[in-house]
């Protein structure tokens, strides 16, 4: 493969994208894997989807489609590539497979799970329906295919409020993120039956931390993800999805920001916003960090690990995602 690897000039151009956040010494360790991945993508007719929580060398240098869960779900539709590699967590790979059933979807690490997705099962959803007959089920995309298949419609943190309001009902079941549901209930006034699922990154933030960061940085704008507890969101200047946070930073209205979310988000924005100072609380997602350049390279070399969805779950899971995208 060495004769077809990326040229040094191409690698230098890629390094320019991340030079502000990746030391040259680290880049020298990454370069061989990046060059190999670029060639493997070409040979396999593959694309890489990367979530905003991926590290900069993945997000900026090898990914073809980047964004939050909504963007990845939307842009995964109808891809021309034969192979899709998910640089994210397992539920995202399942969603990509639901939207592209004829494509090969690869998950570089089977250990890249999600505390939210693990918090609820299909039987739990059926029990909620029995306890609350006739109440529609809105399911956060941070969920397994089997849970999506039991749902009426999906949502992401970017469109959760709009999805709930679009149903035109006074009461919904919203799963599995309890804090997202509570934050949406406050915004909409719709009564929401919740589930006690939490993101292990966002649940750790506290209002006391926010106030301490403000005391040290009185000019900072605090942006909180709606998976945070409501008391944390109440301390923030802005709450929104990772895409909304990115748009906020790009607006240039504030020169110092604190992103109350997974810390690679700050790294990725710092790479492209040199004039913005990022105050960095560093809560890492252990699952996202299982996706590495070496794991992606191995996935493309060996065509592993292929994501499959049982046939009886495909129609229901896809319908819930498509309803979200159409709403």
Protein backbone atom coordinates (compact mmCIF):
# COMPACT_ATOMS: atom_id res chain seq x y z
CA UNK A 1 0.00 0.00 0.00
CA UNK A 2 2.93 2.34 0.62
CA UNK A 3 3.20 3.43 -3.00
CA UNK A 4 -0.33 4.86 -2.92
CA UNK A 5 -0.27 6.53 0.48
CA UNK A 6 -1.03 10.22 0.76
CA UNK A 7 1.75 12.53 -0.35
CA UNK A 8 3.63 14.55 2.29
CA UNK A 9 2.10 17.74 0.92
CA UNK A 10 -1.40 16.34 1.46
CA UNK A 11 -0.54 15.38 5.02
CA UNK A 12 0.94 18.84 5.64
CA UNK A 13 -2.29 20.42 4.41
CA UNK A 14 -4.27 18.22 6.78
CA UNK A 15 -2.01 19.11 9.66
CA UNK A 16 -2.67 22.79 9.01
CA UNK A 17 -6.31 22.12 9.93
CA UNK A 18 -5.42 20.94 13.44
CA UNK A 19 -2.08 22.60 14.14
CA UNK A 20 -3.62 24.81 16.85
CA UNK A 21 -4.75 21.83 18.91
CA UNK A 22 -2.51 18.89 17.93
CA UNK A 23 1.22 19.17 18.75
CA UNK A 24 3.57 18.27 15.90
CA UNK A 25 4.99 15.37 17.88
CA UNK A 26 1.53 13.82 18.18
CA UNK A 27 0.85 14.44 14.51
CA UNK A 28 3.99 12.54 13.54
CA UNK A 29 2.53 9.56 15.38
CA UNK A 30 -0.81 9.93 13.58
CA UNK A 31 0.44 10.53 10.05
CA UNK A 32 0.98 6.91 8.98
CA UNK A 33 -2.51 5.87 10.05
CA UNK A 34 -4.09 8.92 8.40
CA UNK A 35 -2.31 8.22 5.12
CA UNK A 36 -3.39 4.58 5.22
CA UNK A 37 -7.01 5.49 6.01
CA UNK A 38 -7.19 7.93 3.11
CA UNK A 39 -6.04 5.21 0.73
CA UNK A 40 -8.33 2.59 2.25
CA UNK A 41 -11.31 4.94 1.87
CA UNK A 42 -10.51 5.32 -1.80
CA UNK A 43 -10.02 1.59 -2.34
CA UNK A 44 -13.11 0.54 -0.38
CA UNK A 45 -15.34 3.36 -1.70
CA UNK A 46 -15.89 4.26 1.95
CA UNK A 47 -16.96 7.35 3.85
CA UNK A 48 -16.36 8.18 7.49
CA UNK A 49 -19.08 9.80 9.60
CA UNK A 50 -17.67 11.59 12.65
CA UNK A 51 -19.58 12.95 15.62
CA UNK A 52 -18.62 16.30 17.12
CA UNK A 53 -17.10 14.50 20.12
CA UNK A 54 -14.40 12.80 18.06
CA UNK A 55 -10.82 13.96 18.47
CA UNK A 56 -9.51 16.60 16.02
CA UNK A 57 -7.28 14.29 13.98
CA UNK A 58 -10.37 12.18 13.20
CA UNK A 59 -12.90 14.98 12.95
CA UNK A 60 -10.89 17.36 10.78
CA UNK A 61 -8.53 15.08 8.87
CA UNK A 62 -10.26 11.86 7.79
CA UNK A 63 -14.02 12.42 8.25
CA UNK A 64 -16.24 13.03 5.23
CA UNK A 65 -19.42 13.93 7.15
CA UNK A 66 -19.23 15.66 10.51
CA UNK A 67 -21.81 16.86 12.97
CA UNK A 68 -24.27 16.10 15.73
CA UNK A 69 -26.65 13.15 15.84
CA UNK A 70 -29.24 14.95 13.72
CA UNK A 71 -26.74 15.81 10.99
CA UNK A 72 -25.34 12.29 10.92
CA UNK A 73 -28.82 10.74 10.75
CA UNK A 74 -29.87 13.11 7.98
CA UNK A 75 -26.68 12.98 5.92
CA UNK A 76 -26.39 9.20 6.18
CA UNK A 77 -29.37 8.87 3.84
CA UNK A 78 -28.68 7.84 0.30
CA UNK A 79 -24.90 7.90 0.44
CA UNK A 80 -23.17 6.74 -2.74
CA UNK A 81 -20.41 4.99 -0.84
CA UNK A 82 -20.42 1.21 -0.52
CA UNK A 83 -19.00 1.35 3.03
CA UNK A 84 -19.86 3.64 5.94
CA UNK A 85 -17.52 3.83 8.92
CA UNK A 86 -19.04 5.31 12.05
CA UNK A 87 -16.63 7.36 14.13
CA UNK A 88 -19.09 7.64 16.96
CA UNK A 89 -20.89 5.20 19.21
CA UNK A 90 -22.86 2.08 18.43
CA UNK A 91 -26.37 3.53 18.30
CA UNK A 92 -25.15 5.98 15.65
CA UNK A 93 -23.88 3.09 13.54
CA UNK A 94 -27.26 1.38 13.90
CA UNK A 95 -29.01 4.56 12.76
CA UNK A 96 -26.72 4.78 9.73
CA UNK A 97 -27.58 1.17 8.92
CA UNK A 98 -31.31 1.82 9.30
CA UNK A 99 -31.05 4.66 6.81
CA UNK A 100 -28.73 2.76 4.45
CA UNK A 101 -29.80 -0.89 4.64
CA UNK A 102 -27.94 -1.83 1.46
CA UNK A 103 -24.61 -0.37 2.58
CA UNK A 104 -21.96 -2.02 4.72
CA UNK A 105 -21.70 -0.14 8.02
CA UNK A 106 -18.59 -0.66 10.12
CA UNK A 107 -18.10 0.08 13.82
CA UNK A 108 -14.40 0.40 14.66
CA UNK A 109 -14.90 -0.63 18.29
CA UNK A 110 -17.68 -2.78 19.69
CA UNK A 111 -16.97 -1.29 23.11
CA UNK A 112 -18.07 2.18 21.99
CA UNK A 113 -21.47 2.08 23.62
CA UNK A 114 -23.64 4.67 25.38
CA UNK A 115 -24.98 4.90 28.92
CA UNK A 116 -28.25 6.32 27.61
CA UNK A 117 -28.76 3.58 25.04
CA UNK A 118 -27.96 0.97 27.68
CA UNK A 119 -30.49 2.39 30.14
CA UNK A 120 -33.66 1.13 28.42
CA UNK A 121 -34.90 -1.93 26.56
CA UNK A 122 -37.72 -2.65 24.15
CA UNK A 123 -39.66 -4.34 26.95
CA UNK A 124 -39.31 -1.19 29.05
CA UNK A 125 -40.95 0.78 26.24
CA UNK A 126 -43.78 -1.72 25.97
CA UNK A 127 -44.31 -1.46 29.74
CA UNK A 128 -44.49 2.33 29.48
CA UNK A 129 -47.12 2.02 26.75
CA UNK A 130 -49.17 -0.34 28.89
CA UNK A 131 -48.97 2.07 31.83
CA UNK A 132 -49.87 5.07 29.66
CA UNK A 133 -52.12 3.84 26.84
CA UNK A 134 -52.48 6.16 23.88
CA UNK A 135 -49.58 8.44 24.87
CA UNK A 136 -47.07 8.83 22.01
CA UNK A 137 -43.48 7.73 22.55
CA UNK A 138 -40.74 10.17 21.51
CA UNK A 139 -37.35 8.48 21.55
CA UNK A 140 -34.02 10.25 21.60
CA UNK A 141 -31.74 8.92 18.88
CA UNK A 142 -29.32 7.93 21.63
CA UNK A 143 -31.06 4.57 21.77
CA UNK A 144 -30.79 1.10 20.31
CA UNK A 145 -32.54 -0.03 17.14
CA UNK A 146 -34.87 -2.25 19.19
CA UNK A 147 -36.01 0.74 21.25
CA UNK A 148 -36.44 2.91 18.16
CA UNK A 149 -38.59 0.15 16.64
CA UNK A 150 -41.00 0.41 19.60
CA UNK A 151 -41.29 4.19 19.25
CA UNK A 152 -43.59 6.55 17.39
CA UNK A 153 -40.95 9.11 16.44
CA UNK A 154 -37.32 9.90 17.20
CA UNK A 155 -35.74 13.21 18.12
CA UNK A 156 -32.30 14.65 18.75
CA UNK A 157 -31.25 17.36 21.15
CA UNK A 158 -31.36 19.75 18.19
CA UNK A 159 -35.02 19.16 17.36
CA UNK A 160 -36.54 17.67 20.53
CA UNK A 161 -38.69 20.71 21.28
CA UNK A 162 -39.96 20.94 17.70
CA UNK A 163 -40.75 17.22 17.58
CA UNK A 164 -42.69 17.29 20.85
CA UNK A 165 -44.66 20.37 19.80
CA UNK A 166 -45.36 18.91 16.35
CA UNK A 167 -47.40 16.09 17.90
CA UNK A 168 -50.03 18.54 19.13
CA UNK A 169 -50.82 16.56 22.28
CA UNK A 170 -50.76 17.59 25.95
CA UNK A 171 -48.75 14.57 27.12
CA UNK A 172 -45.91 12.47 25.72
CA UNK A 173 -43.54 9.76 26.83
CA UNK A 174 -39.96 10.88 26.15
CA UNK A 175 -37.12 8.40 26.53
CA UNK A 176 -34.45 7.63 27.58
CA UNK A 177 -32.78 10.89 28.71
CA UNK A 178 -34.51 12.19 31.81
CA UNK A 179 -32.75 15.55 31.80
CA UNK A 180 -33.40 16.27 28.12
CA UNK A 181 -37.07 15.45 28.72
CA UNK A 182 -37.24 17.74 31.76
CA UNK A 183 -35.61 20.57 29.83
CA UNK A 184 -38.04 20.12 26.93
CA UNK A 185 -41.00 20.05 29.32
CA UNK A 186 -39.90 23.39 30.76
CA UNK A 187 -39.63 24.89 27.27
CA UNK A 188 -42.90 23.53 25.88
CA UNK A 189 -45.30 23.16 28.77
CA UNK A 190 -46.18 19.69 27.47
CA UNK A 191 -46.43 17.11 30.25
CA UNK A 192 -43.64 14.60 29.73
CA UNK A 193 -43.39 11.15 31.23
CA UNK A 194 -39.67 10.52 31.63
CA UNK A 195 -37.26 7.62 31.99
CA UNK A 196 -34.29 7.65 34.37
CA UNK A 197 -31.57 7.44 31.75
CA UNK A 198 -28.61 9.81 31.87
CA UNK A 199 -25.50 10.59 29.85
CA UNK A 200 -22.50 9.74 31.98
CA UNK A 201 -20.68 12.83 30.69
CA UNK A 202 -23.39 15.45 31.10
CA UNK A 203 -24.86 14.20 34.36
CA UNK A 204 -21.58 14.98 36.14
CA UNK A 205 -21.80 18.75 35.65
CA UNK A 206 -23.17 20.75 38.60
CA UNK A 207 -24.48 24.31 39.09
CA UNK A 208 -21.69 24.89 41.62
CA UNK A 209 -19.10 24.17 38.91
CA UNK A 210 -20.73 26.64 36.53
CA UNK A 211 -20.71 29.36 39.18
CA UNK A 212 -17.05 28.65 40.00
CA UNK A 213 -16.05 28.91 36.33
CA UNK A 214 -17.94 32.18 36.05
CA UNK A 215 -16.19 33.55 39.13
CA UNK A 216 -12.81 32.83 37.50
CA UNK A 217 -13.97 34.01 34.06
CA UNK A 218 -16.57 36.79 34.49
CA UNK A 219 -16.67 37.52 30.75
CA UNK A 220 -17.33 33.92 29.67
CA UNK A 221 -20.45 32.78 27.78
CA UNK A 222 -21.65 29.45 29.15
CA UNK A 223 -23.19 27.02 26.65
CA UNK A 224 -24.82 23.90 28.11
CA UNK A 225 -25.99 20.78 26.35
CA UNK A 226 -29.63 19.89 27.13
CA UNK A 227 -28.54 16.46 28.38
CA UNK A 228 -27.26 18.35 31.44
CA UNK A 229 -29.43 18.50 34.57
CA UNK A 230 -32.00 21.33 34.44
CA UNK A 231 -30.23 23.14 37.28
CA UNK A 232 -27.07 23.26 35.14
CA UNK A 233 -28.98 24.47 32.08
CA UNK A 234 -30.53 27.20 34.24
CA UNK A 235 -27.03 28.51 35.04
CA UNK A 236 -26.07 28.75 31.36
CA UNK A 237 -26.40 31.63 28.93
CA UNK A 238 -27.43 29.29 26.13
CA UNK A 239 -28.54 25.69 25.82
CA UNK A 240 -28.51 23.67 22.64
CA UNK A 241 -27.21 20.72 20.69
CA UNK A 242 -23.58 20.47 19.68
CA UNK A 243 -24.53 21.91 16.27
CA UNK A 244 -26.26 24.85 17.96
CA UNK A 245 -23.21 25.38 20.15
CA UNK A 246 -21.02 25.44 17.07
CA UNK A 247 -23.28 28.02 15.43
CA UNK A 248 -23.18 30.13 18.60
CA UNK A 249 -19.38 30.15 18.60
CA UNK A 250 -19.26 30.85 14.85
CA UNK A 251 -21.46 33.91 15.29
CA UNK A 252 -18.46 35.69 16.83
CA UNK A 253 -20.59 37.35 19.49
CA UNK A 254 -18.36 36.13 22.33
CA UNK A 255 -14.59 35.82 22.54
CA UNK A 256 -14.56 33.51 25.54
CA UNK A 257 -16.86 30.50 25.84
CA UNK A 258 -17.31 27.51 28.06
CA UNK A 259 -18.93 24.45 26.49
CA UNK A 260 -20.64 22.33 29.11
CA UNK A 261 -20.35 19.12 27.16
CA UNK A 262 -17.77 16.51 26.09
CA UNK A 263 -14.41 18.24 25.88
CA UNK A 264 -13.36 17.24 22.34
CA UNK A 265 -16.07 19.62 21.16
CA UNK A 266 -13.92 22.51 22.39
CA UNK A 267 -10.85 21.08 20.65
CA UNK A 268 -12.64 20.80 17.33
CA UNK A 269 -14.00 24.34 17.51
CA UNK A 270 -10.67 25.75 18.71
CA UNK A 271 -9.03 24.35 15.58
CA UNK A 272 -11.20 26.59 13.39
CA UNK A 273 -11.82 29.58 15.70
CA UNK A 274 -8.40 30.92 16.70
CA UNK A 275 -9.88 34.17 18.03
CA UNK A 276 -12.08 32.43 20.59
CA UNK A 277 -10.76 31.43 24.01
CA UNK A 278 -12.23 28.19 25.31
CA UNK A 279 -12.54 27.57 29.03
CA UNK A 280 -12.21 23.82 29.19
CA UNK A 281 -14.02 21.64 31.66
CA UNK A 282 -12.81 18.26 30.54
CA UNK A 283 -15.40 15.53 30.90
CA UNK A 284 -14.45 12.82 28.43
CA UNK A 285 -16.81 10.25 26.97
CA UNK A 286 -14.98 6.94 27.44
CA UNK A 287 -16.99 5.37 24.63
CA UNK A 288 -16.25 8.04 22.02
CA UNK A 289 -12.57 7.79 22.90
CA UNK A 290 -12.54 4.11 21.98
CA UNK A 291 -12.71 5.26 18.36
CA UNK A 292 -9.11 5.94 17.34
CA UNK A 293 -7.24 6.29 14.07
CA UNK A 294 -5.77 2.85 14.58
CA UNK A 295 -9.22 1.34 15.17
CA UNK A 296 -10.61 3.02 12.03
CA UNK A 297 -7.67 1.81 9.97
CA UNK A 298 -8.15 -1.73 11.26
CA UNK A 299 -11.87 -1.58 10.50
CA UNK A 300 -11.18 -0.65 6.87
CA UNK A 301 -8.38 -3.17 6.51
CA UNK A 302 -10.42 -6.07 7.85
CA UNK A 303 -13.97 -4.84 7.11
CA UNK A 304 -14.91 -5.17 10.76
CA UNK A 305 -17.03 -4.85 12.79
CA UNK A 306 -20.03 -4.97 10.48
CA UNK A 307 -23.27 -3.64 11.98
CA UNK A 308 -26.40 -5.66 11.31
CA UNK A 309 -29.96 -5.13 12.51
CA UNK A 310 -32.46 -7.98 12.89
CA UNK A 311 -34.98 -7.82 10.08
CA UNK A 312 -37.99 -7.54 12.38
CA UNK A 313 -36.60 -4.26 13.81
CA UNK A 314 -35.74 -2.52 10.56
CA UNK A 315 -39.15 -1.23 9.45
CA UNK A 316 -40.15 0.17 12.84
CA UNK A 317 -36.76 1.68 13.60
CA UNK A 318 -36.46 3.29 10.19
CA UNK A 319 -40.03 4.64 10.37
CA UNK A 320 -39.31 6.41 13.69
CA UNK A 321 -36.18 8.07 12.28
CA UNK A 322 -37.86 9.02 9.00
CA UNK A 323 -40.77 10.62 10.88
CA UNK A 324 -38.27 12.72 12.80
CA UNK A 325 -36.51 13.85 9.62
CA UNK A 326 -39.83 14.69 7.96
CA UNK A 327 -41.31 16.61 10.92
